Amino acid sequence: MLILEEVGMEERNSVFLHGKYSLLHNEVFLFRVRVFLYFSALGYCFIGLSVITARFFRSMEKIVKQTREITKIDPYTNTKVIEHERVWNYAIADISLLAFGTSFPQISLATIDAIRNIGQLNAGGLGPSTLVGSAAFDLFPIHAVCVIAPKMGELKKISDIGVWLVELFWSFWAYIWLYIILEVWSPKVITIWEASLTVVQFFLLLLHAYAQDKRWLYLSIPINSGERPEEWVPREDTLFKPNGREYEDVSTHQESKDFNDIVDIFSIHSDNGKGTFYHNVPDSELEESSTAVFGDENTPKSSNFVSIWSQQFVEALKLESIESNIYLRSAHILWRLLLLPWRLLFAFVPPCEIAHGWIAFIFSLIFISGIAYLVTILTDLISFVTGINPYVIAFTALAAGTSWPDLVASKIAAERQITADSAIANITCSNSVNIYIGIGIPWLIDTSYNFVAYRQPLYILNAAGLSFSLLVFFATSACCVTVLVLRRLVLGAELGGPRLYAWITAAYFILLWLVFVILSSLKIANFI
């Protein structure tokens, strides 16, 4: 009887243990599924950011290419001529539109994080951590990609070294300033005037860069700029014919080349974008309006505007591929199927031909902000499920994912442009924008609310970790710039050169990034 009871007990224990382990197995399986789904959704949001950022660049291209007409009398021929002058300056466009555009996903994410924490005395750390991590990703991996991007043996150097030095100074000062307000003047506390001064310095950067570009006395470095080529990027416009007339299809052209079209913002440096240009016109033509309601002389009339917008939806639904290889064709079609929801959603962005691209610019900002909000929610879920510190996620996954437009833009600029100015300026200026705007605006929002509601400053919970990351970034960035200067002195250019040297430089930059990520993550985890 005892033996039978023992056997029965073993059977019951076996059933109990089997059910217990089965339950645990299911829980582990569900845990892995949740982690996979959350990370997949985060990656898909990054893809969406790349797609909408391409449209964002298209709108900025249209904005920067805007010109104004001035009618003058030629003193030699006594005929009327129309002079077209650029509205935007090169240096200002690189900082305020190009760098701001590539950094807007991070800026939007930081602003949303600040709004979510408004009314609390403690600031959210997701935004600042993402922006500092993004700065490291911009400076190291993107520089690494740009160094090896030119063709074998091809050298590309910065032509206007004075403007780059100004941008570099403000980039370094941004992180010194951030450390000062975090650890020196008011440790672990941000006041409303500190946040305000942070934002104001962005406009000082614009003023100083413009002064350097124009070589203003006492405000510029006495260094002559190199000759800027008339044609920075070959034009590859696509024309289509609504109602039998040809128009430049800037918006739908993006759909055919996916991520590579991010480079088209650099065509602000092409053809008539340089200085002024002229053409003689008959008197009768001067009396006619040369600019349509929706833009410039290439802008379609309102009767064709609907055709252009509807064409965006047609292009979004197209899946065919011109690849002859069946595998490449299948891969291209699968990729376009993956992008289909995003492409269809972003087709609602009005064509950039309207109002010189400003309407498309605003709509793109709205869509980018919406995706950034989804990213913040997914980050919270990933952190909750996996137990990974959200700051570590911000330094790594969020920083790399939101910096993808920066990488693609700088890479193709390094490949196609004659000089290295815009490729490197995009990196340097993006880092400045990350601090002055990306961190300054969110902190200004929170400190202003706290000042009005509680008469209290803003407390930074992760100030020690953020300050440590700033010190590591400052040290590693000094090593990065030193190598760029050495390449200029030894090889005569910052980018390209002998393949072996280029790959060694790229590997060195990646190593610097790994040092930053590892040390910052260990500090956050309190291992340092």
Protein backbone atom coordinates (compact mmCIF):
# COMPACT_ATOMS: atom_id res chain seq x y z
CA MET A 1 0.00 0.00 0.00
CA LEU A 2 2.83 2.36 0.86
CA ILE A 3 4.50 1.60 -2.41
CA LEU A 4 1.28 2.25 -4.32
CA GLU A 5 0.80 5.53 -2.48
CA GLU A 6 4.38 6.55 -3.29
CA VAL A 7 3.82 5.70 -6.95
CA GLY A 8 0.61 7.70 -6.95
CA MET A 9 2.37 10.64 -5.35
CA GLU A 10 5.10 10.51 -7.98
CA GLU A 11 2.52 10.52 -10.73
CA ARG A 12 0.73 13.52 -9.19
CA ASN A 13 4.05 15.33 -8.77
CA SER A 14 4.92 14.49 -12.36
CA VAL A 15 1.65 15.95 -13.59
CA PHE A 16 2.08 19.03 -11.35
CA LEU A 17 5.67 19.59 -12.43
CA HIS A 18 4.81 19.04 -16.06
CA GLY A 19 2.04 21.59 -15.87
CA LYS A 20 4.26 24.01 -13.97
CA TYR A 21 7.10 23.83 -16.46
CA SER A 22 4.67 23.98 -19.35
CA LEU A 23 3.28 27.20 -17.93
CA LEU A 24 6.75 28.65 -17.50
CA HIS A 25 7.63 27.58 -21.01
CA ASN A 26 4.60 29.41 -22.36
CA GLU A 27 5.49 32.49 -20.35
CA VAL A 28 9.04 32.48 -21.71
CA PHE A 29 7.70 32.02 -25.23
CA LEU A 30 5.24 34.91 -24.81
CA PHE A 31 8.00 37.05 -23.35
CA ARG A 32 10.20 36.42 -26.38
CA VAL A 33 7.30 37.13 -28.73
CA ARG A 34 6.58 40.44 -27.00
CA VAL A 35 10.22 41.49 -27.11
CA PHE A 36 10.46 40.56 -30.79
CA LEU A 37 7.26 42.42 -31.66
CA TYR A 38 8.26 45.57 -29.76
CA PHE A 39 11.73 45.69 -31.31
CA SER A 40 10.26 44.97 -34.76
CA ALA A 41 7.75 47.79 -34.32
CA LEU A 42 10.57 50.11 -33.23
CA GLY A 43 12.59 49.20 -36.31
CA TYR A 44 9.55 49.72 -38.52
CA CYS A 45 9.09 53.19 -37.01
CA PHE A 46 12.70 53.97 -37.92
CA ILE A 47 11.97 52.92 -41.51
CA GLY A 48 8.96 55.22 -41.49
CA LEU A 49 11.14 58.07 -40.20
CA SER A 50 13.53 57.56 -43.11
CA VAL A 51 10.70 57.62 -45.65
CA ILE A 52 9.03 60.76 -44.30
CA THR A 53 12.40 62.46 -43.79
CA ALA A 54 13.05 62.00 -47.50
CA ARG A 55 9.86 63.96 -48.22
CA PHE A 56 10.93 66.46 -45.58
CA PHE A 57 14.19 67.00 -47.46
CA ARG A 58 12.28 67.50 -50.69
CA SER A 59 10.28 70.30 -49.15
CA MET A 60 13.45 71.89 -47.75
CA GLU A 61 15.06 71.68 -51.18
CA LYS A 62 12.16 73.65 -52.60
CA ILE A 63 12.37 76.19 -49.78
CA VAL A 64 16.11 76.74 -50.13
CA LYS A 65 15.92 77.09 -53.91
CA GLN A 66 13.50 79.97 -53.62
CA THR A 67 14.71 83.10 -55.40
CA ARG A 68 13.46 86.66 -55.69
CA GLU A 69 13.25 88.62 -58.94
CA ILE A 70 14.78 92.06 -59.34
CA THR A 71 14.27 93.95 -62.60
CA LYS A 72 17.21 96.12 -63.67
CA ILE A 73 18.41 98.04 -66.72
CA ASP A 74 21.57 96.77 -68.37
CA PRO A 75 23.82 99.90 -68.65
CA TYR A 76 25.47 98.61 -71.83
CA THR A 77 22.48 97.42 -73.85
CA ASN A 78 19.83 99.56 -72.16
CA THR A 79 17.55 96.52 -72.00
CA LYS A 80 15.59 95.23 -69.06
CA VAL A 81 16.92 92.14 -67.33
CA ILE A 82 15.56 90.07 -64.50
CA GLU A 83 18.03 89.26 -61.75
CA HIS A 84 17.25 86.17 -59.66
CA GLU A 85 18.80 86.26 -56.20
CA ARG A 86 18.81 83.41 -53.71
CA VAL A 87 16.77 84.06 -50.59
CA TRP A 88 18.85 81.63 -48.50
CA ASN A 89 22.55 81.79 -47.69
CA TYR A 90 24.57 78.55 -47.98
CA ALA A 91 25.86 78.52 -44.41
CA ILE A 92 22.47 79.41 -42.94
CA ALA A 93 20.73 76.77 -45.07
CA ASP A 94 23.18 74.07 -43.95
CA ILE A 95 22.56 74.87 -40.28
CA SER A 96 18.94 75.92 -40.07
CA LEU A 97 17.40 73.57 -42.63
CA LEU A 98 19.80 70.73 -43.47
CA ALA A 99 21.10 70.05 -39.95
CA PHE A 100 17.73 70.81 -38.38
CA GLY A 101 15.96 68.52 -40.84
CA THR A 102 18.23 65.53 -40.25
CA SER A 103 18.02 66.08 -36.48
CA PHE A 104 14.28 66.65 -36.27
CA PRO A 105 13.39 63.03 -35.34
CA GLN A 106 15.56 63.34 -32.22
CA ILE A 107 14.33 66.87 -31.50
CA SER A 108 10.72 65.78 -31.85
CA LEU A 109 11.28 62.78 -29.59
CA ALA A 110 12.91 64.95 -26.91
CA THR A 111 10.12 67.53 -27.10
CA ILE A 112 7.43 64.87 -26.77
CA ASP A 113 9.28 63.37 -23.81
CA ALA A 114 9.34 66.82 -22.16
CA ILE A 115 5.62 67.37 -22.77
CA ARG A 116 4.83 63.95 -21.30
CA ASN A 117 6.69 64.98 -18.13
CA ILE A 118 5.33 68.52 -17.93
CA GLY A 119 4.11 69.43 -14.47
CA GLN A 120 6.69 67.22 -12.78
CA LEU A 121 9.68 68.69 -11.00
CA ASN A 122 11.94 66.04 -12.53
CA ALA A 123 12.85 66.16 -16.20
CA GLY A 124 12.48 63.17 -18.49
CA GLY A 125 15.81 61.64 -19.41
CA LEU A 126 14.83 59.85 -22.61
CA GLY A 127 15.19 62.92 -24.84
CA PRO A 128 18.59 64.21 -23.61
CA SER A 129 20.05 60.70 -23.59
CA THR A 130 18.87 60.12 -27.17
CA LEU A 131 20.34 63.44 -28.31
CA VAL A 132 23.73 62.89 -26.70
CA GLY A 133 23.81 59.33 -28.07
CA SER A 134 22.79 60.67 -31.48
CA ALA A 135 25.64 63.18 -31.36
CA ALA A 136 28.09 60.33 -30.78
CA PHE A 137 26.54 58.31 -33.62
CA ASP A 138 26.77 61.34 -35.92
CA LEU A 139 30.38 62.10 -35.08
CA PHE A 140 31.84 58.57 -35.14
CA PRO A 141 29.95 56.02 -37.32
CA ILE A 142 28.81 58.65 -39.83
CA HIS A 143 32.32 60.08 -40.15
CA ALA A 144 33.53 56.49 -40.60
CA VAL A 145 31.08 55.94 -43.46
CA CYS A 146 31.94 59.28 -45.08
CA VAL A 147 35.68 58.59 -45.02
CA ILE A 148 35.29 55.42 -47.10
CA ALA A 149 32.41 56.73 -49.26
CA PRO A 150 34.48 58.40 -52.06
CA LYS A 151 35.83 56.27 -54.88
CA MET A 152 39.15 54.52 -54.41
CA GLY A 153 41.96 57.08 -54.19
CA GLU A 154 39.61 60.06 -54.51
CA LEU A 155 40.26 62.89 -52.05
CA LYS A 156 37.59 65.32 -50.88
CA LYS A 157 38.38 68.18 -48.55
CA ILE A 158 36.49 71.01 -46.88
CA SER A 159 36.68 74.06 -49.15
CA ASP A 160 35.52 76.69 -46.63
CA ILE A 161 37.61 75.75 -43.62
CA GLY A 162 36.65 78.98 -41.82
CA VAL A 163 32.94 78.15 -41.71
CA TRP A 164 33.74 74.60 -40.58
CA LEU A 165 35.91 75.91 -37.73
CA VAL A 166 33.08 78.17 -36.60
CA GLU A 167 30.62 75.28 -36.70
CA LEU A 168 33.13 73.04 -34.91
CA PHE A 169 33.67 75.62 -32.16
CA TRP A 170 29.95 75.94 -31.47
CA SER A 171 29.58 72.16 -31.55
CA PHE A 172 32.26 71.69 -28.88
CA TRP A 173 31.00 74.61 -26.86
CA ALA A 174 27.47 73.14 -26.85
CA TYR A 175 28.64 70.13 -24.83
CA ILE A 176 30.88 72.20 -22.58
CA TRP A 177 27.91 74.47 -21.90
CA LEU A 178 25.67 71.53 -21.14
CA TYR A 179 28.18 70.16 -18.64
CA ILE A 180 28.53 73.58 -16.98
CA ILE A 181 24.80 73.99 -16.35
CA LEU A 182 24.49 70.39 -15.16
CA GLU A 183 27.44 70.25 -12.78
CA VAL A 184 28.91 73.71 -12.14
CA TRP A 185 26.44 76.60 -11.92
CA SER A 186 23.40 74.78 -10.59
CA PRO A 187 24.27 71.10 -10.12
CA LYS A 188 21.54 68.68 -11.17
CA VAL A 189 19.13 71.60 -11.65
CA ILE A 190 18.11 73.54 -14.77
CA THR A 191 16.70 77.04 -14.35
CA ILE A 192 14.57 78.93 -16.83
CA TRP A 193 17.38 81.33 -17.71
CA GLU A 194 19.81 78.44 -18.35
CA ALA A 195 17.30 76.83 -20.72
CA SER A 196 16.70 80.19 -22.41
CA LEU A 197 20.42 80.82 -22.90
CA THR A 198 20.76 77.36 -24.42
CA VAL A 199 18.19 78.19 -27.10
CA VAL A 200 19.60 81.68 -27.71
CA GLN A 201 23.00 80.23 -28.54
CA PHE A 202 21.54 78.53 -31.61
CA PHE A 203 20.84 81.96 -33.09
CA LEU A 204 24.33 83.10 -32.10
CA LEU A 205 25.65 80.12 -34.07
CA LEU A 206 23.62 81.22 -37.11
CA LEU A 207 24.90 84.79 -36.81
CA HIS A 208 28.52 83.71 -36.41
CA ALA A 209 28.34 81.27 -39.34
CA TYR A 210 26.81 83.97 -41.55
CA ALA A 211 29.47 86.47 -40.45
CA GLN A 212 32.18 83.95 -41.31
CA ASP A 213 30.63 83.18 -44.68
CA LYS A 214 30.49 86.91 -45.50
CA ARG A 215 33.92 87.51 -43.87
CA TRP A 216 32.71 90.26 -41.55
CA LEU A 217 35.52 92.17 -39.90
CA TYR A 218 36.24 91.24 -36.25
CA LEU A 219 33.59 88.48 -36.31
CA SER A 220 35.23 86.07 -38.76
CA ILE A 221 38.39 84.03 -38.93
CA PRO A 222 40.76 85.52 -41.55
CA ILE A 223 40.85 82.39 -43.69
CA ASN A 224 40.01 82.55 -47.37
CA SER A 225 37.41 80.09 -48.58
CA GLY A 226 38.08 77.70 -51.41
CA GLU A 227 36.22 77.94 -54.67
CA ARG A 228 32.76 76.50 -54.44
CA PRO A 229 31.74 74.66 -57.61
CA GLU A 230 28.63 75.74 -59.46
CA GLU A 231 27.36 72.17 -59.68
CA TRP A 232 27.56 70.38 -56.35
CA VAL A 233 25.22 67.51 -57.15
CA PRO A 234 24.20 66.27 -60.61
CA ARG A 235 20.52 66.83 -61.20
CA GLU A 236 18.40 63.73 -61.83
CA ASP A 237 14.95 65.25 -62.11
CA THR A 238 11.94 63.25 -63.12
CA LEU A 239 9.31 64.78 -65.34
CA PHE A 240 5.75 63.64 -65.73
CA LYS A 241 2.98 65.06 -67.86
CA PRO A 242 -0.38 65.76 -66.26
CA ASN A 243 -2.74 67.11 -68.89
CA GLY A 244 -0.01 66.97 -71.51
CA ARG A 245 2.38 69.40 -69.79
CA GLU A 246 5.75 68.59 -68.23
CA TYR A 247 6.53 69.47 -64.62
CA GLU A 248 9.33 68.57 -62.27
CA ASP A 249 7.99 65.80 -60.09
CA VAL A 250 9.94 66.37 -56.89
CA SER A 251 7.60 64.53 -54.56
CA THR A 252 6.88 61.41 -56.56
CA HIS A 253 10.49 61.11 -57.69
CA GLN A 254 11.30 60.12 -54.13
CA GLU A 255 9.12 57.08 -54.35
CA SER A 256 11.21 55.52 -57.10
CA LYS A 257 14.53 55.66 -55.27
CA ASP A 258 13.51 55.10 -51.64
CA PHE A 259 16.21 56.04 -49.14
CA ASN A 260 18.76 57.26 -51.69
CA ASP A 261 16.60 60.30 -52.34
CA ILE A 262 17.55 61.75 -48.98
CA VAL A 263 20.59 63.16 -50.76
CA ASP A 264 18.45 65.43 -52.89
CA ILE A 265 18.46 68.10 -50.19
CA PHE A 266 22.07 68.67 -51.24
CA SER A 267 20.94 69.80 -54.67
CA ILE A 268 20.37 73.17 -53.02
CA HIS A 269 23.98 73.62 -54.12
CA SER A 270 23.28 72.97 -57.78
CA ASP A 271 22.80 74.95 -60.99
CA ASN A 272 21.24 78.37 -60.34
CA GLY A 273 21.56 77.97 -56.60
CA LYS A 274 24.93 79.72 -56.69
CA GLY A 275 24.78 83.49 -56.37
CA THR A 276 22.65 85.25 -58.96
CA PHE A 277 21.73 84.55 -62.56
CA TYR A 278 20.20 86.67 -65.28
CA HIS A 279 18.19 86.47 -68.45
CA ASN A 280 16.93 89.09 -70.87
CA VAL A 281 13.20 89.38 -71.27
CA PRO A 282 10.98 91.33 -73.64
CA ASP A 283 9.00 94.24 -72.22
CA SER A 284 5.70 92.44 -72.65
CA GLU A 285 6.90 89.53 -70.53
CA LEU A 286 7.84 91.84 -67.69
CA GLU A 287 4.24 92.94 -67.43
CA GLU A 288 3.07 89.37 -66.86
CA SER A 289 3.20 87.58 -63.56
CA SER A 290 6.16 85.22 -63.60
CA THR A 291 5.26 83.38 -60.43
CA ALA A 292 2.25 81.17 -59.95
CA VAL A 293 0.24 81.01 -56.78
CA PHE A 294 1.88 77.77 -55.74
CA GLY A 295 5.56 78.62 -56.30
CA ASP A 296 7.97 79.64 -59.05
CA GLU A 297 8.07 79.42 -62.82
CA ASN A 298 8.21 75.62 -62.75
CA THR A 299 5.18 75.38 -60.51
CA PRO A 300 2.00 73.90 -61.95
CA LYS A 301 -1.23 75.85 -61.99
CA SER A 302 -3.96 75.02 -59.52
CA SER A 303 -5.85 73.09 -62.20
CA ASN A 304 -2.99 70.57 -62.33
CA PHE A 305 -2.34 70.52 -58.61
CA VAL A 306 -4.88 67.74 -58.01
CA SER A 307 -3.23 65.67 -60.74
CA ILE A 308 0.15 66.00 -59.06
CA TRP A 309 -1.21 65.05 -55.65
CA SER A 310 -3.13 62.06 -57.01
CA GLN A 311 0.06 60.93 -58.75
CA GLN A 312 1.65 60.54 -55.32
CA PHE A 313 -0.93 57.89 -54.38
CA VAL A 314 -0.40 56.11 -57.71
CA GLU A 315 3.36 56.02 -57.14
CA ALA A 316 2.85 54.80 -53.57
CA LEU A 317 0.91 51.75 -54.81
CA LYS A 318 3.38 50.78 -57.54
CA LEU A 319 5.31 47.58 -56.87
CA GLU A 320 7.01 46.78 -60.16
CA SER A 321 10.79 46.65 -60.40
CA ILE A 322 13.13 47.36 -63.31
CA GLU A 323 15.70 44.82 -62.04
CA SER A 324 16.49 42.07 -64.57
CA ASN A 325 17.67 39.58 -61.95
CA ILE A 326 14.69 37.66 -60.59
CA TYR A 327 16.05 37.60 -57.05
CA LEU A 328 16.77 41.31 -57.03
CA ARG A 329 13.35 41.98 -58.52
CA SER A 330 11.65 39.87 -55.87
CA ALA A 331 13.63 41.52 -53.09
CA HIS A 332 12.77 44.97 -54.44
CA ILE A 333 9.06 44.12 -54.61
CA LEU A 334 9.11 42.70 -51.08
CA TRP A 335 10.83 45.83 -49.86
CA ARG A 336 8.24 48.06 -51.51
CA LEU A 337 5.49 45.92 -49.96
CA LEU A 338 7.09 46.54 -46.57
CA LEU A 339 7.14 50.27 -47.27
CA LEU A 340 3.63 50.34 -48.73
CA PRO A 341 1.78 51.43 -45.53
CA TRP A 342 4.25 54.27 -44.95
CA ARG A 343 4.28 55.34 -48.60
CA LEU A 344 0.51 55.39 -48.74
CA LEU A 345 0.24 57.33 -45.49
CA PHE A 346 2.82 59.91 -46.52
CA ALA A 347 1.14 60.41 -49.88
CA PHE A 348 -1.26 62.63 -47.92
CA VAL A 349 1.58 65.13 -47.53
CA PRO A 350 0.79 67.88 -50.08
CA PRO A 351 3.23 68.16 -53.00
CA CYS A 352 6.18 70.39 -52.25
CA GLU A 353 5.39 72.55 -55.30
CA ILE A 354 2.82 74.48 -53.26
CA ALA A 355 3.98 77.64 -51.43
CA HIS A 356 7.66 76.95 -52.16
CA GLY A 357 7.51 73.73 -50.14
CA TRP A 358 6.39 75.26 -46.84
CA ILE A 359 3.09 73.33 -46.66
CA ALA A 360 4.85 69.99 -47.26
CA PHE A 361 7.47 71.07 -44.72
CA ILE A 362 4.84 71.58 -42.00
CA PHE A 363 2.95 68.37 -42.81
CA SER A 364 6.20 66.40 -42.72
CA LEU A 365 6.98 67.79 -39.27
CA ILE A 366 3.56 66.63 -38.07
CA PHE A 367 4.10 63.08 -39.36
CA ILE A 368 7.63 62.91 -37.93
CA SER A 369 6.30 64.05 -34.55
CA GLY A 370 3.63 61.34 -34.66
CA ILE A 371 6.20 58.61 -35.33
CA ALA A 372 8.45 60.00 -32.60
CA TYR A 373 5.55 59.69 -30.16
CA LEU A 374 5.15 56.01 -31.10
CA VAL A 375 8.88 55.54 -30.55
CA THR A 376 8.64 56.90 -26.99
CA ILE A 377 5.77 54.50 -26.20
CA LEU A 378 7.64 51.51 -27.64
CA THR A 379 10.76 52.44 -25.68
CA ASP A 380 8.75 52.40 -22.44
CA LEU A 381 7.31 49.00 -23.34
CA ILE A 382 10.71 47.53 -24.22
CA SER A 383 12.21 48.84 -21.01
CA PHE A 384 9.30 47.48 -18.96
CA VAL A 385 9.36 44.02 -20.56
CA THR A 386 13.12 43.48 -20.79
CA GLY A 387 14.25 45.43 -17.74
CA ILE A 388 16.82 47.31 -19.86
CA ASN A 389 17.41 50.83 -18.58
CA PRO A 390 15.59 53.24 -20.94
CA TYR A 391 18.65 55.50 -20.99
CA VAL A 392 20.72 52.64 -22.40
CA ILE A 393 18.09 52.11 -25.09
CA ALA A 394 18.21 55.84 -25.82
CA PHE A 395 22.02 55.87 -26.15
CA THR A 396 22.02 52.92 -28.54
CA ALA A 397 18.86 51.91 -30.42
CA LEU A 398 17.05 55.26 -30.40
CA ALA A 399 20.19 57.27 -31.18
CA ALA A 400 21.15 55.03 -34.12
CA GLY A 401 17.61 54.70 -35.46
CA THR A 402 16.76 58.39 -35.40
CA SER A 403 20.19 59.27 -36.86
CA TRP A 404 19.69 57.07 -39.92
CA PRO A 405 18.69 60.06 -42.14
CA ASP A 406 21.91 61.80 -41.06
CA LEU A 407 23.96 58.78 -42.10
CA VAL A 408 22.34 58.37 -45.51
CA ALA A 409 22.47 62.08 -46.30
CA SER A 410 26.13 62.51 -45.35
CA LYS A 411 27.16 59.26 -47.08
CA ILE A 412 25.68 60.16 -50.44
CA ALA A 413 26.94 63.74 -50.16
CA ALA A 414 30.44 62.35 -49.58
CA GLU A 415 30.02 60.13 -52.65
CA ARG A 416 28.57 62.65 -55.09
CA GLN A 417 29.74 66.10 -54.05
CA ILE A 418 33.03 67.54 -55.18
CA THR A 419 34.00 68.77 -51.71
CA ALA A 420 33.41 67.52 -48.17
CA ASP A 421 31.71 70.69 -46.92
CA SER A 422 28.08 69.60 -46.65
CA ALA A 423 28.81 66.00 -45.61
CA ILE A 424 30.90 67.14 -42.64
CA ALA A 425 28.86 70.29 -41.96
CA ASN A 426 25.77 68.13 -41.63
CA ILE A 427 27.48 66.11 -38.89
CA THR A 428 28.96 69.08 -37.03
CA CYS A 429 25.88 71.28 -37.22
CA SER A 430 23.54 68.44 -36.27
CA ASN A 431 25.45 68.06 -33.01
CA SER A 432 25.01 71.76 -32.26
CA VAL A 433 21.33 71.63 -33.13
CA ASN A 434 20.91 68.59 -30.87
CA ILE A 435 21.94 70.64 -27.83
CA TYR A 436 20.75 74.17 -28.55
CA ILE A 437 17.36 73.15 -29.95
CA GLY A 438 16.90 69.46 -29.16
CA ILE A 439 17.66 69.82 -25.45
CA GLY A 440 17.13 73.58 -25.06
CA ILE A 441 13.52 73.67 -26.27
CA PRO A 442 12.26 70.72 -24.13
CA TRP A 443 13.99 72.11 -21.03
CA LEU A 444 12.59 75.56 -21.77
CA ILE A 445 9.09 74.08 -21.93
CA ASP A 446 9.45 72.27 -18.60
CA THR A 447 11.28 75.06 -16.75
CA SER A 448 8.77 77.67 -17.92
CA TYR A 449 5.87 75.57 -16.63
CA ASN A 450 7.60 74.86 -13.33
CA PHE A 451 8.48 78.52 -12.87
CA VAL A 452 4.89 79.64 -13.44
CA ALA A 453 3.17 76.81 -11.58
CA TYR A 454 5.55 76.01 -8.70
CA ARG A 455 8.28 78.67 -8.70
CA GLN A 456 10.68 75.72 -8.80
CA PRO A 457 13.54 74.80 -11.17
CA LEU A 458 13.77 71.58 -13.14
CA TYR A 459 15.60 68.69 -11.47
CA ILE A 460 17.66 66.27 -13.56
CA LEU A 461 17.51 62.80 -12.06
CA ASN A 462 20.15 61.29 -14.34
CA ALA A 463 22.47 64.30 -14.22
CA ALA A 464 25.48 62.23 -13.11
CA GLY A 465 25.10 59.74 -15.95
CA LEU A 466 24.47 62.48 -18.51
CA SER A 467 27.45 64.52 -17.30
CA PHE A 468 29.71 61.47 -17.45
CA SER A 469 28.55 60.77 -21.02
CA LEU A 470 29.34 64.38 -21.94
CA LEU A 471 32.89 64.02 -20.61
CA VAL A 472 33.41 60.77 -22.52
CA PHE A 473 31.94 62.29 -25.67
CA PHE A 474 34.12 65.38 -25.38
CA ALA A 475 37.28 63.31 -25.01
CA THR A 476 36.46 60.92 -27.86
CA SER A 477 35.31 63.76 -30.15
CA ALA A 478 38.67 65.50 -29.60
CA CYS A 479 40.34 62.28 -30.78
CA CYS A 480 38.06 62.22 -33.83
CA VAL A 481 38.77 65.82 -34.86
CA THR A 482 42.50 65.29 -34.33
CA VAL A 483 42.48 62.47 -36.88
CA LEU A 484 40.56 64.64 -39.37
CA VAL A 485 43.17 67.39 -38.98
CA LEU A 486 46.00 64.88 -39.41
CA ARG A 487 44.38 63.55 -42.58
CA ARG A 488 44.17 67.13 -43.86
CA LEU A 489 47.86 67.72 -43.15
CA VAL A 490 49.15 64.36 -44.40
CA LEU A 491 46.76 63.43 -47.23
CA GLY A 492 45.42 66.88 -48.08
CA ALA A 493 41.76 65.98 -47.47
CA GLU A 494 39.42 64.82 -44.72
CA LEU A 495 37.58 62.19 -46.78
CA GLY A 496 38.72 59.46 -49.14
CA GLY A 497 42.33 58.80 -50.04
CA PRO A 498 44.20 55.47 -50.19
CA ARG A 499 41.81 52.64 -49.35
CA LEU A 500 43.93 51.23 -46.53
CA TYR A 501 44.15 54.58 -44.74
CA ALA A 502 40.45 55.18 -45.25
CA TRP A 503 39.48 51.84 -43.70
CA ILE A 504 41.90 52.29 -40.79
CA THR A 505 40.38 55.72 -40.10
CA ALA A 506 36.86 54.29 -40.30
CA ALA A 507 37.73 51.47 -37.90
CA TYR A 508 39.22 54.00 -35.49
CA PHE A 509 36.03 56.09 -35.53
CA ILE A 510 33.89 53.00 -34.87
CA LEU A 511 36.17 52.11 -31.96
CA LEU A 512 35.64 55.58 -30.48
CA TRP A 513 31.89 55.10 -30.74
CA LEU A 514 32.07 51.72 -28.99
CA VAL A 515 34.13 53.29 -26.20
CA PHE A 516 31.48 55.98 -25.74
CA VAL A 517 28.54 53.54 -25.76
CA ILE A 518 30.17 51.00 -23.41
CA LEU A 519 31.40 53.53 -20.84
CA SER A 520 28.11 55.49 -20.87
CA SER A 521 26.04 52.30 -20.49
CA LEU A 522 28.23 51.06 -17.63
CA LYS A 523 27.88 54.40 -15.84
CA ILE A 524 24.10 54.32 -16.18
CA ALA A 525 24.11 50.75 -14.80
CA ASN A 526 26.25 52.06 -11.88
CA PHE A 527 29.19 49.85 -12.74
CA ILE A 528 31.48 52.91 -13.00
